Amino acid sequence: MASSSMFQAVYCGQFSNEGATKRSGLMVHDLSFRGKAYIPVLDVSLKSQSKRPLSLNGNRVCMSVQQAGTKVLVSPLELENAQEPPLNIYRPKEPYTATIVAVEKLVGPKAPGETCHIVIDHSGNMPYWEGQSYGVIPPGENPKKPGSAHAVRLYSIASTRYGDAFDGKTASLCVRRAVYYDPLTGKEDPSKNGVCSNFLCNSRPGDKIQLTGPSGKVMLLPEEDPNANHIMIATGTGVAPYRGYLRRMFMESVPSFRFNGLSWLFLGVANTDSLLYDDEFKKYLRDYPDNFRYDVALSRQQKNKSGGKMYVQDKIEEYSDEIFKLLDEGAHIYFCGLKGMMPGIQETLKRVAEVRGENWDQKLSQLKKKKQWHVEVY
């Protein structure tokens, strides 16, 4: 993988440690990412070494969740000072030109489709908050408007405001490549593939990218009460904002935010090879068992109680008593993913409410009124 001025290794997905050697008094592991070898990453004990990202041959190295024994110091802490989230610093007519740092495939060979983790260097010029989105303008001409640029595509940011290098200069996106197959021939038709997702997944380190934003306030993580509970529902790449939430809660050391509530993630994907950031989430389970829960719905591997495919709404129904109790106690609930997920979820919640003797429409109205209900679907 090509190096950058920011860092040389990205630590999302499934790594295996092979061929560990010792250099300059620190352990260095040659890591593989789903069978692909990448540049070595320093194995740092944060109890005895600095908690800040180290440098290897002059380049920044971001720490993997597997290496982080304690929380990681972040900078600049001035990013905590803003009273309001940054909004639309850059607009479509005057976008910001950023640089691709890394593009890594997140899923295994049995996943239906390809999903990539894309790290972007914005040099600190496009600050954002967890839960916001960036707009991406793919290169080329809009075929529907000759002479005009492509329309902006919005992507939820999959990192905290400090980015994957913990220095406030990068942002990460989680992107599924949109591929169209002709229903008659079964063959791919590149002319109908997603323009922006294919641009992003085909990008290489050093490529330039036009960004707008940041945008969005609906999915911002409420931090007024560090003891608040958060229920996060995602399908596929809808997990992106939750990765940012969870890194802020469990990986980063932020003096002004000490999370002490419960964070519960429900993730729906096709199979185990389709799980996104699974190693990170399982690490939080081990390190913070009282503050984090993680349940997955694997539609092509698991069966629901009726013998059908297991979808995320089936998991919601399975734990409905606990979920409704948390909501009654003031928990926030978030939904992010394909818009097709919401009808099934809404039907499940309504059915559960009726069994409990509650009116779902009234309950939903109260959740919205109390700002406990957060939805971002696409």
Protein backbone atom coordinates (compact mmCIF):
# COMPACT_ATOMS: atom_id res chain seq x y z
CA MET A 1 0.00 0.00 0.00
CA ALA A 2 1.39 3.40 -0.89
CA SER A 3 2.44 5.56 2.02
CA SER A 4 1.17 9.06 2.69
CA SER A 5 2.19 12.08 4.69
CA MET A 6 -0.40 11.08 7.28
CA PHE A 7 0.15 7.41 8.07
CA GLN A 8 1.08 4.12 6.51
CA ALA A 9 -1.46 1.62 7.74
CA VAL A 10 -5.19 1.46 8.27
CA TYR A 11 -6.52 -0.89 10.89
CA CYS A 12 -10.11 -1.64 9.94
CA GLY A 13 -11.38 -5.12 9.20
CA GLN A 14 -9.80 -8.44 10.10
CA PHE A 15 -6.09 -8.54 10.70
CA SER A 16 -3.84 -11.44 11.53
CA ASN A 17 -0.45 -11.00 13.14
CA GLU A 18 2.26 -12.84 11.29
CA GLY A 19 6.01 -12.70 11.38
CA ALA A 20 6.42 -10.42 14.38
CA THR A 21 9.90 -8.90 14.62
CA LYS A 22 11.47 -6.45 16.99
CA ARG A 23 12.75 -3.09 15.78
CA SER A 24 14.10 -0.25 17.87
CA GLY A 25 12.86 -1.87 21.07
CA LEU A 26 9.24 -2.14 19.86
CA MET A 27 7.39 -5.10 18.44
CA VAL A 28 6.52 -4.77 14.76
CA HIS A 29 3.94 -7.07 13.17
CA ASP A 30 3.61 -7.73 9.47
CA LEU A 31 -0.16 -7.57 9.25
CA SER A 32 -2.38 -9.17 6.67
CA PHE A 33 -5.83 -7.87 5.80
CA ARG A 34 -8.02 -10.76 4.66
CA GLY A 35 -4.99 -12.45 3.13
CA LYS A 36 -3.26 -9.32 1.80
CA ALA A 37 0.04 -8.17 3.30
CA TYR A 38 0.52 -4.54 4.27
CA ILE A 39 3.16 -2.25 5.69
CA PRO A 40 4.22 -3.16 9.25
CA VAL A 41 2.49 -1.47 12.15
CA LEU A 42 4.13 -0.89 15.50
CA ASP A 43 2.74 -2.98 18.38
CA VAL A 44 2.70 -0.46 21.22
CA SER A 45 2.00 -1.00 24.89
CA LEU A 46 0.17 2.16 25.79
CA LYS A 47 0.95 1.69 29.46
CA SER A 48 4.64 2.21 28.90
CA GLN A 49 4.74 4.16 25.65
CA SER A 50 3.15 7.36 24.41
CA LYS A 51 -0.56 7.03 23.62
CA ARG A 52 -0.19 9.24 20.56
CA PRO A 53 0.20 7.78 17.07
CA LEU A 54 3.85 6.93 16.46
CA SER A 55 5.88 7.51 13.35
CA LEU A 56 7.65 4.94 11.23
CA ASN A 57 10.27 6.27 8.84
CA GLY A 58 8.84 9.74 9.28
CA ASN A 59 5.24 8.81 8.51
CA ARG A 60 2.30 8.63 10.89
CA VAL A 61 1.07 5.21 11.90
CA CYS A 62 -2.43 4.81 13.23
CA MET A 63 -2.97 2.32 16.03
CA SER A 64 -5.27 -0.62 15.55
CA VAL A 65 -7.93 -1.41 18.08
CA GLN A 66 -6.09 -4.67 18.71
CA GLN A 67 -3.04 -2.68 19.86
CA ALA A 68 -4.86 -0.23 22.08
CA GLY A 69 -4.67 -1.45 25.67
CA THR A 70 -5.95 1.85 27.01
CA LYS A 71 -7.62 4.81 25.40
CA VAL A 72 -5.70 6.81 22.83
CA LEU A 73 -4.88 10.49 23.27
CA VAL A 74 -6.23 12.67 20.48
CA SER A 75 -5.47 16.14 19.16
CA PRO A 76 -6.12 18.94 18.67
CA LEU A 77 -8.50 19.17 21.62
CA GLU A 78 -9.64 22.54 20.26
CA LEU A 79 -12.01 20.45 18.15
CA GLU A 80 -14.07 20.10 21.35
CA ASN A 81 -14.53 23.85 21.76
CA ALA A 82 -17.19 24.54 19.12
CA GLN A 83 -20.67 25.05 20.53
CA GLU A 84 -22.40 24.17 17.26
CA PRO A 85 -21.52 21.54 14.63
CA PRO A 86 -19.74 22.76 11.50
CA LEU A 87 -22.16 22.93 8.58
CA ASN A 88 -21.58 23.34 4.84
CA ILE A 89 -18.11 24.83 5.06
CA TYR A 90 -17.70 23.81 1.43
CA ARG A 91 -20.51 23.81 -1.13
CA PRO A 92 -20.94 22.20 -4.56
CA LYS A 93 -19.85 25.29 -6.47
CA GLU A 94 -16.68 25.61 -4.39
CA PRO A 95 -15.79 22.14 -3.08
CA TYR A 96 -12.70 21.26 -1.09
CA THR A 97 -9.97 19.22 -2.79
CA ALA A 98 -8.80 16.48 -0.45
CA THR A 99 -6.49 13.51 -0.95
CA ILE A 100 -7.18 9.79 -0.74
CA VAL A 101 -4.92 8.17 1.86
CA ALA A 102 -6.04 4.56 1.74
CA VAL A 103 -8.72 2.32 0.24
CA GLU A 104 -9.19 -1.06 1.92
CA LYS A 105 -11.66 -3.84 1.17
CA LEU A 106 -13.64 -4.59 4.33
CA VAL A 107 -15.46 -7.79 3.40
CA GLY A 108 -14.50 -11.38 2.72
CA PRO A 109 -14.82 -13.46 -0.47
CA LYS A 110 -18.29 -14.80 0.39
CA ALA A 111 -19.83 -11.35 0.87
CA PRO A 112 -22.33 -10.37 -1.84
CA GLY A 113 -20.71 -7.24 -3.16
CA GLU A 114 -17.69 -5.19 -2.20
CA THR A 115 -17.49 -2.67 0.64
CA CYS A 116 -14.47 -0.44 1.15
CA HIS A 117 -13.06 1.69 3.96
CA ILE A 118 -11.75 4.93 2.47
CA VAL A 119 -9.49 7.29 4.41
CA ILE A 120 -9.33 10.90 3.21
CA ASP A 121 -6.78 13.56 4.17
CA HIS A 122 -8.48 16.94 4.59
CA SER A 123 -5.50 18.53 6.40
CA GLY A 124 -7.76 19.77 9.17
CA ASN A 125 -9.69 22.04 6.81
CA MET A 126 -13.01 20.17 6.93
CA PRO A 127 -13.80 19.59 10.60
CA TYR A 128 -16.92 17.59 11.39
CA TRP A 129 -18.75 15.96 14.27
CA GLU A 130 -19.65 12.33 14.73
CA GLY A 131 -22.85 11.50 12.85
CA GLN A 132 -22.35 14.02 10.04
CA SER A 133 -21.86 13.39 6.33
CA TYR A 134 -19.52 14.51 3.59
CA GLY A 135 -20.64 15.15 0.03
CA VAL A 136 -18.52 13.68 -2.75
CA ILE A 137 -18.47 15.01 -6.30
CA PRO A 138 -17.11 12.29 -8.60
CA PRO A 139 -14.95 13.44 -11.50
CA GLY A 140 -16.39 13.76 -14.98
CA GLU A 141 -19.43 15.26 -16.61
CA ASN A 142 -23.02 14.73 -15.59
CA PRO A 143 -24.60 12.85 -18.55
CA LYS A 144 -27.99 14.33 -17.69
CA LYS A 145 -26.58 17.88 -17.69
CA PRO A 146 -23.86 18.15 -20.36
CA GLY A 147 -21.16 20.60 -19.31
CA SER A 148 -22.03 20.28 -15.62
CA ALA A 149 -20.35 18.34 -12.86
CA HIS A 150 -21.93 15.26 -11.34
CA ALA A 151 -24.41 15.74 -8.53
CA VAL A 152 -23.18 15.48 -4.95
CA ARG A 153 -23.45 12.07 -3.27
CA LEU A 154 -23.69 12.05 0.52
CA TYR A 155 -21.79 9.54 2.66
CA SER A 156 -21.98 9.17 6.42
CA ILE A 157 -18.58 9.69 8.01
CA ALA A 158 -17.22 6.52 9.63
CA SER A 159 -14.68 8.11 11.97
CA THR A 160 -14.62 10.49 14.88
CA ARG A 161 -13.68 14.14 14.41
CA TYR A 162 -10.07 13.10 15.03
CA GLY A 163 -9.99 10.60 12.17
CA ASP A 164 -8.22 7.26 11.96
CA ALA A 165 -4.86 8.87 12.77
CA PHE A 166 -6.25 10.63 15.87
CA ASP A 167 -4.89 14.00 14.73
CA GLY A 168 -7.97 15.73 13.30
CA LYS A 169 -6.71 15.66 9.73
CA THR A 170 -8.53 12.72 8.16
CA ALA A 171 -12.05 11.39 7.72
CA SER A 172 -13.15 7.90 6.74
CA LEU A 173 -16.05 6.68 4.62
CA CYS A 174 -17.62 3.22 4.39
CA VAL A 175 -18.72 2.65 0.79
CA ARG A 176 -20.36 -0.27 -0.95
CA ARG A 177 -19.58 -0.52 -4.63
CA ALA A 178 -22.84 -0.18 -6.61
CA VAL A 179 -22.80 -2.64 -9.50
CA TYR A 180 -25.65 -3.21 -11.96
CA TYR A 181 -26.33 -6.63 -13.46
CA ASP A 182 -28.59 -7.00 -16.48
CA PRO A 183 -31.57 -9.12 -15.37
CA LEU A 184 -31.74 -10.88 -18.74
CA THR A 185 -28.07 -11.73 -19.29
CA GLY A 186 -26.91 -11.74 -15.68
CA LYS A 187 -23.83 -9.82 -16.78
CA GLU A 188 -22.52 -6.60 -15.31
CA ASP A 189 -23.37 -3.43 -17.21
CA PRO A 190 -20.62 -0.91 -16.34
CA SER A 191 -22.59 1.91 -17.98
CA LYS A 192 -25.19 1.62 -15.21
CA ASN A 193 -22.84 1.11 -12.27
CA GLY A 194 -22.82 3.66 -9.47
CA VAL A 195 -20.59 6.51 -10.59
CA CYS A 196 -19.47 7.75 -7.19
CA SER A 197 -19.14 4.47 -5.32
CA ASN A 198 -17.02 2.98 -8.10
CA PHE A 199 -14.88 6.11 -8.22
CA LEU A 200 -14.25 5.83 -4.49
CA CYS A 201 -13.61 2.09 -4.42
CA ASN A 202 -11.29 2.35 -7.43
CA SER A 203 -9.33 5.26 -5.94
CA ARG A 204 -5.68 4.92 -4.99
CA PRO A 205 -3.59 6.71 -2.37
CA GLY A 206 -2.69 10.16 -3.66
CA ASP A 207 -5.79 10.59 -5.81
CA LYS A 208 -7.69 13.86 -5.37
CA ILE A 209 -11.32 14.03 -4.31
CA GLN A 210 -13.83 16.89 -4.31
CA LEU A 211 -15.74 17.22 -1.04
CA THR A 212 -18.65 19.30 0.21
CA GLY A 213 -20.08 19.73 3.70
CA PRO A 214 -20.02 18.58 6.35
CA SER A 215 -23.79 18.30 6.63
CA GLY A 216 -26.42 16.85 8.92
CA LYS A 217 -27.65 17.30 12.48
CA VAL A 218 -30.14 14.45 12.85
CA MET A 219 -27.53 11.80 13.71
CA LEU A 220 -25.33 13.88 15.98
CA LEU A 221 -24.35 12.03 19.14
CA PRO A 222 -25.99 13.71 22.14
CA GLU A 223 -23.26 14.17 24.75
CA GLU A 224 -24.97 16.30 27.38
CA ASP A 225 -25.53 13.23 29.56
CA PRO A 226 -22.56 10.82 29.60
CA ASN A 227 -24.79 8.23 31.32
CA ALA A 228 -27.35 8.19 28.49
CA ASN A 229 -28.08 4.92 26.67
CA HIS A 230 -27.87 4.55 22.89
CA ILE A 231 -29.51 1.89 20.70
CA MET A 232 -28.04 1.80 17.19
CA ILE A 233 -29.73 -0.06 14.32
CA ALA A 234 -27.85 -0.47 11.04
CA THR A 235 -27.96 -2.40 7.80
CA GLY A 236 -24.73 -2.67 5.84
CA THR A 237 -22.81 0.57 5.41
CA GLY A 238 -25.35 2.25 7.69
CA VAL A 239 -22.95 1.21 10.45
CA ALA A 240 -20.66 4.11 9.44
CA PRO A 241 -21.79 6.78 11.94
CA TYR A 242 -21.89 4.21 14.75
CA ARG A 243 -18.22 3.37 14.21
CA GLY A 244 -17.53 7.04 14.93
CA TYR A 245 -19.74 7.00 18.03
CA LEU A 246 -18.11 3.88 19.41
CA ARG A 247 -14.54 5.01 18.82
CA ARG A 248 -15.36 8.22 20.67
CA MET A 249 -16.95 6.26 23.52
CA PHE A 250 -14.45 3.44 23.87
CA MET A 251 -11.21 4.10 21.98
CA GLU A 252 -10.35 7.79 22.32
CA SER A 253 -9.38 9.66 25.45
CA VAL A 254 -11.40 12.88 25.30
CA PRO A 255 -11.28 14.82 28.60
CA SER A 256 -14.63 16.51 27.99
CA PHE A 257 -16.51 13.26 27.21
CA ARG A 258 -16.43 10.25 29.53
CA PHE A 259 -19.09 7.81 28.39
CA ASN A 260 -20.65 5.75 31.17
CA GLY A 261 -23.95 4.61 29.67
CA LEU A 262 -24.93 1.62 27.54
CA SER A 263 -24.32 1.52 23.80
CA TRP A 264 -26.12 -1.30 21.97
CA LEU A 265 -25.42 -2.01 18.30
CA PHE A 266 -27.64 -4.11 16.03
CA LEU A 267 -26.07 -4.77 12.63
CA GLY A 268 -27.82 -6.52 9.75
CA VAL A 269 -25.75 -7.98 6.88
CA ALA A 270 -25.91 -11.04 4.63
CA ASN A 271 -23.30 -13.30 6.27
CA THR A 272 -20.20 -13.31 8.44
CA ASP A 273 -17.99 -12.30 5.51
CA SER A 274 -20.16 -9.16 5.19
CA LEU A 275 -19.62 -7.96 8.77
CA LEU A 276 -18.06 -4.50 8.91
CA TYR A 277 -15.54 -3.41 11.58
CA ASP A 278 -16.37 -6.60 13.44
CA ASP A 279 -12.97 -6.85 15.18
CA GLU A 280 -13.31 -3.35 16.58
CA PHE A 281 -16.77 -4.04 17.95
CA LYS A 282 -15.77 -7.36 19.50
CA LYS A 283 -12.83 -5.65 21.19
CA TYR A 284 -15.22 -3.17 22.83
CA LEU A 285 -17.31 -6.13 24.03
CA ARG A 286 -14.29 -7.61 25.75
CA ASP A 287 -13.03 -4.34 27.22
CA TYR A 288 -16.36 -2.71 28.15
CA PRO A 289 -18.87 -5.54 28.82
CA ASP A 290 -21.00 -3.32 31.05
CA ASN A 291 -21.23 -0.50 28.51
CA PHE A 292 -21.49 -2.20 25.12
CA ARG A 293 -23.71 -4.84 23.54
CA TYR A 294 -23.43 -6.12 19.97
CA ASP A 295 -25.95 -8.25 18.07
CA VAL A 296 -25.87 -9.19 14.39
CA ALA A 297 -28.56 -10.39 12.02
CA LEU A 298 -27.13 -12.55 9.21
CA SER A 299 -29.91 -12.89 6.65
CA ARG A 300 -28.25 -15.67 4.65
CA GLN A 301 -26.98 -17.67 7.60
CA GLN A 302 -29.47 -17.28 10.44
CA LYS A 303 -33.17 -18.08 10.77
CA ASN A 304 -35.73 -16.08 12.72
CA LYS A 305 -38.24 -17.73 15.07
CA SER A 306 -40.59 -18.40 12.16
CA GLY A 307 -37.91 -20.16 10.14
CA GLY A 308 -37.43 -17.28 7.70
CA LYS A 309 -34.36 -15.16 7.06
CA MET A 310 -33.01 -13.25 10.04
CA TYR A 311 -33.26 -9.50 9.54
CA VAL A 312 -32.41 -6.71 11.92
CA GLN A 313 -36.08 -6.21 12.84
CA ASP A 314 -36.17 -9.83 14.04
CA LYS A 315 -33.36 -9.04 16.46
CA ILE A 316 -35.27 -5.96 17.61
CA GLU A 317 -38.29 -8.14 18.31
CA GLU A 318 -36.14 -10.68 20.14
CA TYR A 319 -34.94 -8.01 22.56
CA SER A 320 -38.06 -5.85 22.45
CA ASP A 321 -38.74 -5.87 26.20
CA GLU A 322 -35.28 -4.52 26.96
CA ILE A 323 -35.41 -2.02 24.10
CA PHE A 324 -38.79 -0.62 25.12
CA LYS A 325 -37.63 -0.39 28.75
CA LEU A 326 -34.54 1.57 27.70
CA LEU A 327 -36.65 3.88 25.54
CA ASP A 328 -39.02 4.50 28.43
CA GLU A 329 -35.97 5.46 30.50
CA GLY A 330 -34.85 8.01 27.91
CA ALA A 331 -32.53 6.05 25.61
CA HIS A 332 -31.76 7.39 22.15
CA ILE A 333 -32.46 5.09 19.20
CA TYR A 334 -30.81 5.50 15.79
CA PHE A 335 -31.53 3.97 12.38
CA CYS A 336 -29.09 4.17 9.48
CA GLY A 337 -28.97 2.22 6.22
CA LEU A 338 -31.09 1.56 3.16
CA LYS A 339 -34.52 3.17 3.39
CA GLY A 340 -36.08 -0.22 2.71
CA MET A 341 -35.16 -1.26 6.26
CA MET A 342 -37.63 1.12 7.92
CA PRO A 343 -41.05 -0.35 6.95
CA GLY A 344 -40.18 -3.74 8.43
CA ILE A 345 -38.74 -2.15 11.56
CA GLN A 346 -41.75 0.12 12.00
CA GLU A 347 -44.13 -2.83 11.59
CA THR A 348 -42.19 -4.82 14.18
CA LEU A 349 -42.17 -1.97 16.69
CA LYS A 350 -45.88 -1.38 16.19
CA ARG A 351 -46.67 -5.07 16.67
CA VAL A 352 -44.55 -5.24 19.82
CA ALA A 353 -46.18 -2.10 21.20
CA GLU A 354 -49.66 -3.56 20.65
CA VAL A 355 -48.71 -6.75 22.48
CA ARG A 356 -47.54 -4.56 25.34
CA GLY A 357 -50.81 -2.67 25.32
CA GLU A 358 -49.26 0.53 23.99
CA ASN A 359 -50.19 2.79 21.10
CA TRP A 360 -47.14 2.89 18.82
CA ASP A 361 -48.11 6.08 17.01
CA GLN A 362 -48.39 7.93 20.31
CA LYS A 363 -45.15 6.42 21.58
CA LEU A 364 -43.31 7.37 18.39
CA SER A 365 -44.65 10.91 18.64
CA GLN A 366 -43.28 11.16 22.18
CA LEU A 367 -39.88 9.76 21.16
CA LYS A 368 -39.61 12.37 18.42
CA LYS A 369 -40.78 15.14 20.75
CA LYS A 370 -38.13 14.18 23.30
CA LYS A 371 -35.48 13.96 20.53
CA GLN A 372 -34.82 10.29 21.20
CA TRP A 373 -35.61 9.17 17.62
CA HIS A 374 -32.89 9.57 14.96
CA VAL A 375 -33.25 8.31 11.37
CA GLU A 376 -30.93 8.65 8.38
CA VAL A 377 -31.72 6.33 5.48
CA TYR A 378 -30.86 6.44 1.80
